[in-house]
Each structure stands twice: as structure tokens, then as C-alpha cells.
Amino acid sequence: MAKEKLLGIDLGGTTVKFGILTPEGEVQQKWSIETNILDNGSHIVEEIIASIKHRIDLYDMSPEDFIGIGMGSPGVIDRKLGTVIGAYNLNWETLQPVKETIEKAIGIPFAIDNDANVAALGERWQGAGENSPDVTFITLGTGVGGGIIAEGKLLHGAVGAAGEIGHITVDPEGFMCTCGKRGCLETVASATGVVRVARQLAEEYAGPSTIKALLDDGQDVSSKDIFDAAKEDDPFALMVVEKVCYYLGLATGNIGNMLNPTDIVIGGGVSAAGEFLLEKVQNYFNEFTFPQVRNSTHLKLARLGNDAGIIGAASLALQFIEK
């Protein structure tokens, strides 16, 4: 039988997601398992192998049916050797020979890349990027990550740090970031960053606001709470959202001016605020870009949700198609 399937793996700190796709990017099967980070994450790869073998048997398939396996992982990736190190949410502090182990156990060619890069590939291939050769992807979650596809190629940079959009400086005198630098986009536009901005602005705000009252009362407030309140015209929440969107508009404007992609796609949990968020970011993007960029680079919301990782990972395996 001809090799006609791709297998995509999205490795996260809580779950491992899997998908079997056609070479055209259609998801035919998907499933997930819990990520077992016990014993320094030593069970993760063996449980991935066991799950793949089980599903291949379950679907009455064989390794010969697969063009290749692609995987997105957190941590520092050596794409050539297929190793991962420093994925602390997986308890992988030492070098993990992922490619070698999986290829040996399953007998299918294997490729791996950073999880944010892989999500960017997914949105570019089957999502909002509409397979354009020039797409930048930003994910607003617990942190802020991203990936850059320019002229059809995923950019990695000298040490794999290309696309670290979360560390664009948007306020030189702003909050300290975990990277050791001050004023990174991640400190103000991640889920925790939105709340951090709210706490800072609450110190000087004296008007009526349910969000301000909750913060003053010491209660937990999420970024979703803040955006929901802003949609209901809470004046303080609107002030917070405006500030966050200013920072996002500044960052996306700089990306647009430097790279001029056809699309800047915004995904991740914070992007669930939808058009309400996008419209405000667009206003600042327009302010911070020059006309040619303003008229040719489009801000869009991500479309694939949790499937971006498995779809993008599967696309890594397209390199194994026999020419």
C-alpha cells in the first residue's frame, strides 16, 4: 500500500495530542493521553510510542502506511538530531533523544520542532494563514509565543530563538520578565500579564468598577473576567483592555514593518476575546505601521484552536514524501 498518512503529535505539559492526517491536511483521527511527567519525564516517550502502536493496531494500519511523524515540543530543540532539553514543564532537564527512540521503536521517519513554531505551521497550512508563504503567528496564553514563516520557510535563527515574539520590548521601563529583561510583551499580554496590568492601573483608578472592586477585595481575577467586564462597558476593565491592546498593536506594528507578512494571526487563550480584542489591536496597528504595510498585512484570529499543534506537527512530516 502507498504511504498516504501523516501523524502529528502535540506534546504539552498536561496532555499529548495525536492526529492522523492526509497529506492534504485533513484530520481523520485524533486522540490524546495524559502527559506523565513523573520520574523526570522518563515515561513520556515510551507512553507516546505505546499509544501510537495501539492506535495503528486499532485502525488496522501498519508503519508502511505512514509518510512520517512530526512532533511539536516545548524546550530547546535540535531539529537535526531530534533531541530536546530544558523542557521544564515536562521535567526534561537532561537531553532527550526523542527522534532516535521513536524511529527505532516504530519504524516511521520522525521530525520535531518547537511547539509554538509547529502551531504557526498549522495555522499557516490549514487555518487563518490560508497557506500564504508569509505568515506570523502569535499565541497569547500563559506566556506569549510565536512563529514566523517567511517566503515559505519557518524561521529559526542562529540558536532557534527566531519567533520569540513574547520578548519584543513594548515598555522599556515596564515589568521584569522571567527572561531577565524588562518590558517584554509577555509581561503585559499573556493571561497573567493582563491581570498584572489591571493591578497596576487599579492603584490610581477611583471610579466605579466591578473588576476594580474584586481586585481591591483581594479576590482572584482572570484575563477572561477583565475582557468580559470590558464587553459590558465596565470603565476600568475597558481601560485595562485598551492598554493591553496598545502593547499588542505596538508589537504587531513592529512585526508588520519589519516582515510585511500577508497575515499576523493571533491565537491562544486570550484571543478568545475575539473581534472585541482584534478591533482594538487593529486601531493601534494602523497607528504604528506605514501605509504600504497597513494596506497589505492583515490581523486575523486563529481558526484551528487546539488542533493547530497536531496539524502543524503533521506538516513537518511532508518533508519525507518521496520525490
C-alpha atoms as a PDB file:
ATOM      1  CA  MET A   1       0.000   0.000   0.000  1.00  0.00           C
ATOM      2  CA  ALA A   2       1.228   3.525  -0.777  1.00  0.00           C
ATOM      3  CA  LYS A   3       2.388   5.684   2.100  1.00  0.00           C
ATOM      4  CA  GLU A   4      -0.563   8.028   2.478  1.00  0.00           C
ATOM      5  CA  LYS A   5      -0.850   9.218   6.082  1.00  0.00           C
ATOM      6  CA  LEU A   6       0.835  11.775   8.325  1.00  0.00           C
ATOM      7  CA  LEU A   7       0.978  11.502  12.104  1.00  0.00           C
ATOM      8  CA  GLY A   8       1.135  14.700  14.162  1.00  0.00           C
ATOM      9  CA  ILE A   9       1.995  14.887  17.879  1.00  0.00           C
ATOM     10  CA  ASP A  10       1.489  17.975  20.051  1.00  0.00           C
ATOM     11  CA  LEU A  11       3.400  17.419  23.303  1.00  0.00           C
ATOM     12  CA  GLY A  12       2.243  19.615  26.185  1.00  0.00           C
ATOM     13  CA  GLY A  13       2.783  19.686  29.917  1.00  0.00           C
ATOM     14  CA  THR A  14      -0.730  18.352  30.644  1.00  0.00           C
ATOM     15  CA  THR A  15      -1.698  16.277  27.589  1.00  0.00           C
ATOM     16  CA  VAL A  16      -0.148  14.745  24.498  1.00  0.00           C
ATOM     17  CA  LYS A  17      -2.428  15.190  21.479  1.00  0.00           C
ATOM     18  CA  PHE A  18      -2.188  12.952  18.410  1.00  0.00           C
ATOM     19  CA  GLY A  19      -3.683  13.163  14.928  1.00  0.00           C
ATOM     20  CA  ILE A  20      -3.650  11.060  11.774  1.00  0.00           C
ATOM     21  CA  LEU A  21      -3.940  13.277   8.697  1.00  0.00           C
ATOM     22  CA  THR A  22      -3.960  13.046   4.940  1.00  0.00           C
ATOM     23  CA  PRO A  23      -1.113  14.758   3.031  1.00  0.00           C
ATOM     24  CA  GLU A  24      -3.669  17.476   2.206  1.00  0.00           C
ATOM     25  CA  GLY A  25      -4.067  18.292   5.909  1.00  0.00           C
ATOM     26  CA  GLU A  26      -7.424  16.664   6.665  1.00  0.00           C
ATOM     27  CA  VAL A  27      -7.605  15.302  10.225  1.00  0.00           C
ATOM     28  CA  GLN A  28      -9.006  11.754  10.039  1.00  0.00           C
ATOM     29  CA  GLN A  29      -8.419  10.550  13.602  1.00  0.00           C
ATOM     30  CA  LYS A  30      -7.344  12.277  16.785  1.00  0.00           C
ATOM     31  CA  TRP A  31      -6.870  11.299  20.405  1.00  0.00           C
ATOM     32  CA  SER A  32      -4.923  12.332  23.499  1.00  0.00           C
ATOM     33  CA  ILE A  33      -3.225  10.878  26.561  1.00  0.00           C
ATOM     34  CA  GLU A  34      -2.181  12.440  29.843  1.00  0.00           C
ATOM     35  CA  THR A  35       1.439  13.628  29.966  1.00  0.00           C
ATOM     36  CA  ASN A  36       3.211  11.592  32.627  1.00  0.00           C
ATOM     37  CA  ILE A  37       5.924  13.909  33.978  1.00  0.00           C
ATOM     38  CA  LEU A  38       6.857  11.658  36.917  1.00  0.00           C
ATOM     39  CA  ASP A  39      10.429  10.390  37.301  1.00  0.00           C
ATOM     40  CA  ASN A  40      11.919  13.335  35.392  1.00  0.00           C
ATOM     41  CA  GLY A  41       9.557  12.767  32.479  1.00  0.00           C
ATOM     42  CA  SER A  42      11.209   9.429  31.717  1.00  0.00           C
ATOM     43  CA  HIS A  43       7.878   7.777  30.828  1.00  0.00           C
ATOM     44  CA  ILE A  44       6.747  10.375  28.262  1.00  0.00           C
ATOM     45  CA  VAL A  45       8.386   8.974  25.121  1.00  0.00           C
ATOM     46  CA  GLU A  46       7.653   5.339  25.970  1.00  0.00           C
ATOM     47  CA  GLU A  47       3.974   6.177  26.539  1.00  0.00           C
ATOM     48  CA  ILE A  48       3.840   8.105  23.236  1.00  0.00           C
ATOM     49  CA  ILE A  49       5.280   5.036  21.476  1.00  0.00           C
ATOM     50  CA  ALA A  50       2.790   2.714  23.203  1.00  0.00           C
ATOM     51  CA  SER A  51      -0.142   4.952  22.254  1.00  0.00           C
ATOM     52  CA  ILE A  52       0.911   5.149  18.592  1.00  0.00           C
ATOM     53  CA  LYS A  53       1.380   1.378  18.371  1.00  0.00           C
ATOM     54  CA  HIS A  54      -2.024   0.799  19.995  1.00  0.00           C
ATOM     55  CA  ARG A  55      -3.798   3.131  17.561  1.00  0.00           C
ATOM     56  CA  ILE A  56      -2.043   1.722  14.480  1.00  0.00           C
ATOM     57  CA  ASP A  57      -3.252  -1.729  15.542  1.00  0.00           C
ATOM     58  CA  LEU A  58      -6.721  -0.429  16.418  1.00  0.00           C
ATOM     59  CA  TYR A  59      -7.178   1.133  12.981  1.00  0.00           C
ATOM     60  CA  ASP A  60      -5.753  -1.975  11.261  1.00  0.00           C
ATOM     61  CA  MET A  61      -2.847   0.017   9.846  1.00  0.00           C
ATOM     62  CA  SER A  62       0.922  -0.541   9.674  1.00  0.00           C
ATOM     63  CA  PRO A  63       4.008   1.715   9.761  1.00  0.00           C
ATOM     64  CA  GLU A  64       4.207   1.325   5.967  1.00  0.00           C
ATOM     65  CA  ASP A  65       1.016   3.393   5.665  1.00  0.00           C
ATOM     66  CA  PHE A  66       2.752   6.489   7.060  1.00  0.00           C
ATOM     67  CA  ILE A  67       4.858   9.087   5.253  1.00  0.00           C
ATOM     68  CA  GLY A  68       6.233  10.281   8.580  1.00  0.00           C
ATOM     69  CA  ILE A  69       5.664  11.527  12.117  1.00  0.00           C
ATOM     70  CA  GLY A  70       6.000  15.181  13.131  1.00  0.00           C
ATOM     71  CA  MET A  71       6.038  16.454  16.706  1.00  0.00           C
ATOM     72  CA  GLY A  72       5.908  19.811  18.456  1.00  0.00           C
ATOM     73  CA  SER A  73       7.584  20.024  21.864  1.00  0.00           C
ATOM     74  CA  PRO A  74       8.440  22.677  24.419  1.00  0.00           C
ATOM     75  CA  GLY A  75      12.101  23.160  25.292  1.00  0.00           C
ATOM     76  CA  VAL A  76      15.248  23.675  23.254  1.00  0.00           C
ATOM     77  CA  ILE A  77      15.081  21.539  20.105  1.00  0.00           C
ATOM     78  CA  ASP A  78      17.941  20.236  17.979  1.00  0.00           C
ATOM     79  CA  ARG A  79      15.967  19.598  14.796  1.00  0.00           C
ATOM     80  CA  LYS A  80      18.755  17.706  13.053  1.00  0.00           C
ATOM     81  CA  LEU A  81      19.455  15.293  15.911  1.00  0.00           C
ATOM     82  CA  GLY A  82      15.843  15.288  17.093  1.00  0.00           C
ATOM     83  CA  THR A  83      16.705  15.969  20.719  1.00  0.00           C
ATOM     84  CA  VAL A  84      15.002  18.082  23.394  1.00  0.00           C
ATOM     85  CA  ILE A  85      16.484  19.659  26.516  1.00  0.00           C
ATOM     86  CA  GLY A  86      15.244  22.216  29.034  1.00  0.00           C
ATOM     87  CA  ALA A  87      11.515  21.465  28.737  1.00  0.00           C
ATOM     88  CA  TYR A  88      10.916  22.187  32.405  1.00  0.00           C
ATOM     89  CA  ASN A  89       7.132  21.709  32.327  1.00  0.00           C
ATOM     90  CA  LEU A  90       7.883  18.117  31.234  1.00  0.00           C
ATOM     91  CA  ASN A  91      10.644  17.705  33.859  1.00  0.00           C
ATOM     92  CA  TRP A  92      13.084  17.215  30.959  1.00  0.00           C
ATOM     93  CA  GLU A  93      16.216  18.844  32.324  1.00  0.00           C
ATOM     94  CA  THR A  94      18.635  16.460  30.579  1.00  0.00           C
ATOM     95  CA  LEU A  95      18.974  15.710  26.855  1.00  0.00           C
ATOM     96  CA  GLN A  96      16.160  13.535  25.468  1.00  0.00           C
ATOM     97  CA  PRO A  97      16.928  11.560  22.249  1.00  0.00           C
ATOM     98  CA  VAL A  98      13.302  11.695  21.086  1.00  0.00           C
ATOM     99  CA  LYS A  99      13.799  11.120  17.341  1.00  0.00           C
ATOM    100  CA  GLU A 100      16.188   8.192  17.768  1.00  0.00           C
ATOM    101  CA  THR A 101      13.950   6.436  20.308  1.00  0.00           C
ATOM    102  CA  ILE A 102      10.684   6.849  18.391  1.00  0.00           C
ATOM    103  CA  GLU A 103      12.117   5.967  14.964  1.00  0.00           C
ATOM    104  CA  LYS A 104      13.752   2.836  16.372  1.00  0.00           C
ATOM    105  CA  ALA A 105      10.572   1.697  18.137  1.00  0.00           C
ATOM    106  CA  ILE A 106       8.027   2.461  15.400  1.00  0.00           C
ATOM    107  CA  GLY A 107       9.967   2.433  12.135  1.00  0.00           C
ATOM    108  CA  ILE A 108       8.495   5.664  10.719  1.00  0.00           C
ATOM    109  CA  PRO A 109      10.621   8.741   9.803  1.00  0.00           C
ATOM    110  CA  PHE A 110      10.363  11.407  12.527  1.00  0.00           C
ATOM    111  CA  ALA A 111      10.766  15.216  12.632  1.00  0.00           C
ATOM    112  CA  ILE A 112      10.484  17.601  15.574  1.00  0.00           C
ATOM    113  CA  ASP A 113      10.306  21.354  16.154  1.00  0.00           C
ATOM    114  CA  ASN A 114       9.344  23.857  18.853  1.00  0.00           C
ATOM    115  CA  ASP A 115       5.656  23.747  19.835  1.00  0.00           C
ATOM    116  CA  ALA A 116       4.983  27.426  19.026  1.00  0.00           C
ATOM    117  CA  ASN A 117       6.639  27.044  15.602  1.00  0.00           C
ATOM    118  CA  VAL A 118       4.535  23.966  14.937  1.00  0.00           C
ATOM    119  CA  ALA A 119       1.308  25.784  15.850  1.00  0.00           C
ATOM    120  CA  ALA A 120       2.357  28.549  13.440  1.00  0.00           C
ATOM    121  CA  LEU A 121       2.775  25.954  10.682  1.00  0.00           C
ATOM    122  CA  GLY A 122      -0.693  24.586  11.448  1.00  0.00           C
ATOM    123  CA  GLU A 123      -2.414  27.977  11.252  1.00  0.00           C
ATOM    124  CA  ARG A 124      -0.488  28.792   8.089  1.00  0.00           C
ATOM    125  CA  TRP A 125      -1.329  25.483   6.373  1.00  0.00           C
ATOM    126  CA  GLN A 126      -4.952  24.852   7.311  1.00  0.00           C
ATOM    127  CA  GLY A 127      -6.018  27.887   9.351  1.00  0.00           C
ATOM    128  CA  ALA A 128      -6.185  31.655   9.113  1.00  0.00           C
ATOM    129  CA  GLY A 129      -2.919  31.893   7.182  1.00  0.00           C
ATOM    130  CA  GLU A 130      -4.593  30.266   4.161  1.00  0.00           C
ATOM    131  CA  ASN A 131      -1.280  28.702   3.080  1.00  0.00           C
ATOM    132  CA  SER A 132       0.325  32.078   2.403  1.00  0.00           C
ATOM    133  CA  PRO A 133       4.152  31.976   2.209  1.00  0.00           C
ATOM    134  CA  ASP A 134       4.394  34.889   4.680  1.00  0.00           C
ATOM    135  CA  VAL A 135       2.585  34.401   7.997  1.00  0.00           C
ATOM    136  CA  THR A 136       3.444  35.402  11.566  1.00  0.00           C
ATOM    137  CA  PHE A 137       1.648  33.610  14.394  1.00  0.00           C
ATOM    138  CA  ILE A 138       1.304  34.923  17.956  1.00  0.00           C
ATOM    139  CA  THR A 139      -0.124  32.811  20.749  1.00  0.00           C
ATOM    140  CA  LEU A 140      -1.402  34.613  23.852  1.00  0.00           C
ATOM    141  CA  GLY A 141      -1.615  32.058  26.658  1.00  0.00           C
ATOM    142  CA  THR A 142       0.160  31.537  29.977  1.00  0.00           C
ATOM    143  CA  GLY A 143       3.070  33.144  28.151  1.00  0.00           C
ATOM    144  CA  VAL A 144       3.348  34.744  24.722  1.00  0.00           C
ATOM    145  CA  GLY A 145       4.931  32.687  21.952  1.00  0.00           C
ATOM    146  CA  GLY A 146       5.007  32.708  18.215  1.00  0.00           C
ATOM    147  CA  GLY A 147       6.395  31.520  14.938  1.00  0.00           C
ATOM    148  CA  ILE A 148       7.435  33.256  11.726  1.00  0.00           C
ATOM    149  CA  ILE A 149       7.031  31.818   8.237  1.00  0.00           C
ATOM    150  CA  ALA A 150       8.745  33.993   5.626  1.00  0.00           C
ATOM    151  CA  GLU A 151       8.818  33.220   1.897  1.00  0.00           C
ATOM    152  CA  GLY A 152       7.548  29.733   2.661  1.00  0.00           C
ATOM    153  CA  LYS A 153      10.183  28.876   5.262  1.00  0.00           C
ATOM    154  CA  LEU A 154       9.859  28.649   9.034  1.00  0.00           C
ATOM    155  CA  LEU A 155      12.486  30.939  10.560  1.00  0.00           C
ATOM    156  CA  HIS A 156      14.657  29.526  13.353  1.00  0.00           C
ATOM    157  CA  GLY A 157      17.548  31.991  13.705  1.00  0.00           C
ATOM    158  CA  ALA A 158      21.109  31.354  14.902  1.00  0.00           C
ATOM    159  CA  VAL A 159      20.141  29.415  18.050  1.00  0.00           C
ATOM    160  CA  GLY A 160      16.477  28.698  17.365  1.00  0.00           C
ATOM    161  CA  ALA A 161      15.231  31.879  19.043  1.00  0.00           C
ATOM    162  CA  ALA A 162      13.532  33.420  15.988  1.00  0.00           C
ATOM    163  CA  GLY A 163       9.837  33.983  16.600  1.00  0.00           C
ATOM    164  CA  GLU A 164      10.162  34.671  20.344  1.00  0.00           C
ATOM    165  CA  ILE A 165       7.553  37.397  19.951  1.00  0.00           C
ATOM    166  CA  GLY A 166       6.816  37.409  23.682  1.00  0.00           C
ATOM    167  CA  HIS A 167      10.174  39.087  24.266  1.00  0.00           C
ATOM    168  CA  ILE A 168       9.644  42.077  21.995  1.00  0.00           C
ATOM    169  CA  THR A 169      10.153  45.124  24.240  1.00  0.00           C
ATOM    170  CA  VAL A 170       6.961  47.188  24.414  1.00  0.00           C
ATOM    171  CA  ASP A 171       7.748  49.213  27.559  1.00  0.00           C
ATOM    172  CA  PRO A 172      11.452  49.766  28.382  1.00  0.00           C
ATOM    173  CA  GLU A 173      10.538  50.747  31.957  1.00  0.00           C
ATOM    174  CA  GLY A 174       7.883  48.065  32.396  1.00  0.00           C
ATOM    175  CA  PHE A 175       7.626  44.841  34.378  1.00  0.00           C
ATOM    176  CA  MET A 176      10.544  42.439  34.774  1.00  0.00           C
ATOM    177  CA  CYS A 177      10.223  39.310  32.623  1.00  0.00           C
ATOM    178  CA  THR A 178      11.337  35.782  33.522  1.00  0.00           C
ATOM    179  CA  CYS A 179      13.884  36.095  30.682  1.00  0.00           C
ATOM    180  CA  GLY A 180      15.738  38.728  32.751  1.00  0.00           C
ATOM    181  CA  LYS A 181      14.740  41.647  30.537  1.00  0.00           C
ATOM    182  CA  ARG A 182      12.278  44.429  31.304  1.00  0.00           C
ATOM    183  CA  GLY A 183       9.081  45.363  29.457  1.00  0.00           C
ATOM    184  CA  CYS A 184       8.555  42.229  27.321  1.00  0.00           C
ATOM    185  CA  LEU A 185       5.202  41.769  25.557  1.00  0.00           C
ATOM    186  CA  GLU A 186       4.735  38.579  27.593  1.00  0.00           C
ATOM    187  CA  THR A 187       4.596  40.600  30.830  1.00  0.00           C
ATOM    188  CA  VAL A 188       1.528  42.556  29.691  1.00  0.00           C
ATOM    189  CA  ALA A 189      -0.323  40.495  27.069  1.00  0.00           C
ATOM    190  CA  SER A 190      -0.251  36.942  28.461  1.00  0.00           C
ATOM    191  CA  ALA A 191      -3.165  35.774  30.607  1.00  0.00           C
ATOM    192  CA  THR A 192      -1.214  36.666  33.751  1.00  0.00           C
ATOM    193  CA  GLY A 193       0.117  39.845  32.113  1.00  0.00           C
ATOM    194  CA  VAL A 194      -3.389  41.236  31.551  1.00  0.00           C
ATOM    195  CA  VAL A 195      -4.094  40.811  35.276  1.00  0.00           C
ATOM    196  CA  ARG A 196      -0.728  42.419  36.110  1.00  0.00           C
ATOM    197  CA  VAL A 197      -1.677  45.487  34.040  1.00  0.00           C
ATOM    198  CA  ALA A 198      -5.038  45.602  35.849  1.00  0.00           C
ATOM    199  CA  ARG A 199      -3.390  45.544  39.287  1.00  0.00           C
ATOM    200  CA  GLN A 200      -1.053  48.357  38.292  1.00  0.00           C
ATOM    201  CA  LEU A 201      -3.825  50.571  36.880  1.00  0.00           C
ATOM    202  CA  ALA A 202      -6.092  49.823  39.864  1.00  0.00           C
ATOM    203  CA  GLU A 203      -3.718  51.739  42.149  1.00  0.00           C
ATOM    204  CA  GLU A 204      -4.738  55.060  40.590  1.00  0.00           C
ATOM    205  CA  TYR A 205      -8.307  54.339  39.472  1.00  0.00           C
ATOM    206  CA  ALA A 206     -11.035  55.771  41.723  1.00  0.00           C
ATOM    207  CA  GLY A 207     -14.262  55.324  39.723  1.00  0.00           C
ATOM    208  CA  PRO A 208     -16.926  52.593  39.783  1.00  0.00           C
ATOM    209  CA  SER A 209     -15.910  49.121  38.534  1.00  0.00           C
ATOM    210  CA  THR A 210     -16.726  45.537  39.481  1.00  0.00           C
ATOM    211  CA  ILE A 211     -13.212  44.415  38.444  1.00  0.00           C
ATOM    212  CA  LYS A 212     -11.544  47.165  40.490  1.00  0.00           C
ATOM    213  CA  ALA A 213     -13.703  46.166  43.491  1.00  0.00           C
ATOM    214  CA  LEU A 214     -12.698  42.495  43.139  1.00  0.00           C
ATOM    215  CA  LEU A 215      -9.009  43.412  42.946  1.00  0.00           C
ATOM    216  CA  ASP A 216      -9.279  45.729  45.966  1.00  0.00           C
ATOM    217  CA  ASP A 217     -11.005  42.904  47.850  1.00  0.00           C
ATOM    218  CA  GLY A 218      -8.087  40.556  47.157  1.00  0.00           C
ATOM    219  CA  GLN A 219     -10.126  38.173  45.033  1.00  0.00           C
ATOM    220  CA  ASP A 220      -8.815  36.226  42.059  1.00  0.00           C
ATOM    221  CA  VAL A 221      -9.468  37.883  38.714  1.00  0.00           C
ATOM    222  CA  SER A 222      -8.659  36.299  35.332  1.00  0.00           C
ATOM    223  CA  SER A 223      -7.948  37.887  31.961  1.00  0.00           C
ATOM    224  CA  LYS A 224     -11.297  36.468  30.797  1.00  0.00           C
ATOM    225  CA  ASP A 225     -13.066  38.260  33.667  1.00  0.00           C
ATOM    226  CA  ILE A 226     -11.445  41.521  32.589  1.00  0.00           C
ATOM    227  CA  PHE A 227     -12.386  41.154  28.902  1.00  0.00           C
ATOM    228  CA  ASP A 228     -15.937  40.052  29.800  1.00  0.00           C
ATOM    229  CA  ALA A 229     -16.349  43.113  32.029  1.00  0.00           C
ATOM    230  CA  ALA A 230     -14.958  45.367  29.302  1.00  0.00           C
ATOM    231  CA  LYS A 231     -17.541  43.997  26.855  1.00  0.00           C
ATOM    232  CA  GLU A 232     -20.167  45.047  29.428  1.00  0.00           C
ATOM    233  CA  ASP A 233     -18.689  48.583  29.434  1.00  0.00           C
ATOM    234  CA  ASP A 234     -17.015  48.371  32.845  1.00  0.00           C
ATOM    235  CA  PRO A 235     -14.950  51.597  32.617  1.00  0.00           C
ATOM    236  CA  PHE A 236     -11.901  50.264  34.481  1.00  0.00           C
ATOM    237  CA  ALA A 237     -11.864  46.970  32.533  1.00  0.00           C
ATOM    238  CA  LEU A 238     -12.061  48.974  29.296  1.00  0.00           C
ATOM    239  CA  MET A 239      -9.024  50.981  30.419  1.00  0.00           C
ATOM    240  CA  VAL A 240      -7.067  47.762  31.077  1.00  0.00           C
ATOM    241  CA  VAL A 241      -8.034  46.199  27.739  1.00  0.00           C
ATOM    242  CA  GLU A 242      -7.128  49.406  25.904  1.00  0.00           C
ATOM    243  CA  LYS A 243      -3.662  49.354  27.481  1.00  0.00           C
ATOM    244  CA  VAL A 244      -3.100  45.671  26.621  1.00  0.00           C
ATOM    245  CA  CYS A 245      -4.255  46.264  23.033  1.00  0.00           C
ATOM    246  CA  TYR A 246      -1.892  49.246  22.777  1.00  0.00           C
ATOM    247  CA  TYR A 247       1.010  46.936  23.624  1.00  0.00           C
ATOM    248  CA  LEU A 248      -0.210  44.293  21.165  1.00  0.00           C
ATOM    249  CA  GLY A 249      -0.684  46.926  18.474  1.00  0.00           C
ATOM    250  CA  LEU A 250       2.852  48.211  19.055  1.00  0.00           C
ATOM    251  CA  ALA A 251       4.329  44.694  18.821  1.00  0.00           C
ATOM    252  CA  THR A 252       2.318  43.670  15.756  1.00  0.00           C
ATOM    253  CA  GLY A 253       3.070  47.017  14.132  1.00  0.00           C
ATOM    254  CA  ASN A 254       6.805  46.405  14.557  1.00  0.00           C
ATOM    255  CA  ILE A 255       6.416  42.886  13.151  1.00  0.00           C
ATOM    256  CA  GLY A 256       4.474  44.272  10.192  1.00  0.00           C
ATOM    257  CA  ASN A 257       7.040  46.984   9.480  1.00  0.00           C
ATOM    258  CA  MET A 258       9.927  44.510   9.633  1.00  0.00           C
ATOM    259  CA  LEU A 259       8.487  41.415   7.912  1.00  0.00           C
ATOM    260  CA  ASN A 260       5.400  42.610   5.997  1.00  0.00           C
ATOM    261  CA  PRO A 261       3.642  39.214   6.204  1.00  0.00           C
ATOM    262  CA  THR A 262       0.287  38.857   4.467  1.00  0.00           C
ATOM    263  CA  ASP A 263      -1.185  37.771   7.820  1.00  0.00           C
ATOM    264  CA  ILE A 264      -0.439  38.185  11.507  1.00  0.00           C
ATOM    265  CA  VAL A 265      -2.537  35.501  13.189  1.00  0.00           C
ATOM    266  CA  ILE A 266      -3.397  35.841  16.882  1.00  0.00           C
ATOM    267  CA  GLY A 267      -4.283  32.690  18.848  1.00  0.00           C
ATOM    268  CA  GLY A 268      -4.135  31.300  22.380  1.00  0.00           C
ATOM    269  CA  GLY A 269      -6.481  31.675  25.323  1.00  0.00           C
ATOM    270  CA  VAL A 270      -6.508  35.485  25.470  1.00  0.00           C
ATOM    271  CA  SER A 271      -7.553  35.603  21.792  1.00  0.00           C
ATOM    272  CA  ALA A 272     -10.881  34.051  22.836  1.00  0.00           C
ATOM    273  CA  ALA A 273     -11.933  37.682  23.408  1.00  0.00           C
ATOM    274  CA  GLY A 274     -12.379  37.584  19.624  1.00  0.00           C
ATOM    275  CA  GLU A 275     -13.262  40.550  17.441  1.00  0.00           C
ATOM    276  CA  PHE A 276     -13.519  42.781  20.526  1.00  0.00           C
ATOM    277  CA  LEU A 277      -9.767  42.302  21.032  1.00  0.00           C
ATOM    278  CA  LEU A 278      -8.842  42.295  17.344  1.00  0.00           C
ATOM    279  CA  GLU A 279     -10.607  45.563  16.544  1.00  0.00           C
ATOM    280  CA  LYS A 280      -8.745  47.438  19.285  1.00  0.00           C
ATOM    281  CA  VAL A 281      -5.367  45.922  18.335  1.00  0.00           C
ATOM    282  CA  GLN A 282      -6.072  46.828  14.695  1.00  0.00           C
ATOM    283  CA  ASN A 283      -6.552  50.500  15.631  1.00  0.00           C
ATOM    284  CA  TYR A 284      -3.078  50.647  17.209  1.00  0.00           C
ATOM    285  CA  PHE A 285      -1.549  48.515  14.430  1.00  0.00           C
ATOM    286  CA  ASN A 286      -2.786  51.115  11.954  1.00  0.00           C
ATOM    287  CA  GLU A 287      -1.211  53.860  14.049  1.00  0.00           C
ATOM    288  CA  PHE A 288       2.191  52.146  14.232  1.00  0.00           C
ATOM    289  CA  THR A 289       2.572  50.985  10.607  1.00  0.00           C
ATOM    290  CA  PHE A 290       3.378  52.863   7.421  1.00  0.00           C
ATOM    291  CA  PRO A 291       0.848  52.827   4.559  1.00  0.00           C
ATOM    292  CA  GLN A 292       2.241  50.002   2.418  1.00  0.00           C
ATOM    293  CA  VAL A 293       2.270  47.641   5.439  1.00  0.00           C
ATOM    294  CA  ARG A 294      -1.038  48.909   6.790  1.00  0.00           C
ATOM    295  CA  ASN A 295      -2.703  48.099   3.454  1.00  0.00           C
ATOM    296  CA  SER A 296      -1.099  44.688   2.840  1.00  0.00           C
ATOM    297  CA  THR A 297      -0.664  42.987   6.246  1.00  0.00           C
ATOM    298  CA  HIS A 298      -3.860  41.703   7.840  1.00  0.00           C
ATOM    299  CA  LEU A 299      -4.525  40.901  11.502  1.00  0.00           C
ATOM    300  CA  LYS A 300      -6.601  37.754  11.940  1.00  0.00           C
ATOM    301  CA  LEU A 301      -7.833  35.492  14.721  1.00  0.00           C
ATOM    302  CA  ALA A 302      -6.575  31.897  14.715  1.00  0.00           C
ATOM    303  CA  ARG A 303      -9.081  29.321  13.460  1.00  0.00           C
ATOM    304  CA  LEU A 304      -7.731  25.919  14.456  1.00  0.00           C
ATOM    305  CA  GLY A 305      -7.860  26.135  18.258  1.00  0.00           C
ATOM    306  CA  ASN A 306      -6.348  23.062  19.908  1.00  0.00           C
ATOM    307  CA  ASP A 307      -5.831  21.341  16.542  1.00  0.00           C
ATOM    308  CA  ALA A 308      -3.134  23.799  15.387  1.00  0.00           C
ATOM    309  CA  GLY A 309      -0.409  21.768  17.098  1.00  0.00           C
ATOM    310  CA  ILE A 310      -1.221  18.365  15.607  1.00  0.00           C
ATOM    311  CA  ILE A 311      -1.848  19.815  12.141  1.00  0.00           C
ATOM    312  CA  GLY A 312       1.383  21.813  12.154  1.00  0.00           C
ATOM    313  CA  ALA A 313       3.339  18.861  13.552  1.00  0.00           C
ATOM    314  CA  ALA A 314       1.976  16.596  10.822  1.00  0.00           C
ATOM    315  CA  SER A 315       3.114  19.127   8.202  1.00  0.00           C
ATOM    316  CA  LEU A 316       6.722  18.578   9.358  1.00  0.00           C
ATOM    317  CA  ALA A 317       6.421  15.032   8.005  1.00  0.00           C
ATOM    318  CA  LEU A 318       5.664  16.277   4.480  1.00  0.00           C
ATOM    319  CA  GLN A 319       9.448  16.517   4.019  1.00  0.00           C
ATOM    320  CA  PHE A 320       9.560  12.714   3.926  1.00  0.00           C
ATOM    321  CA  ILE A 321       7.405  12.426   0.796  1.00  0.00           C
ATOM    322  CA  GLU A 322       9.493  10.576  -1.765  1.00  0.00           C
ATOM    323  CA  LYS A 323      10.351  12.917  -4.579  1.00  0.00           C
END
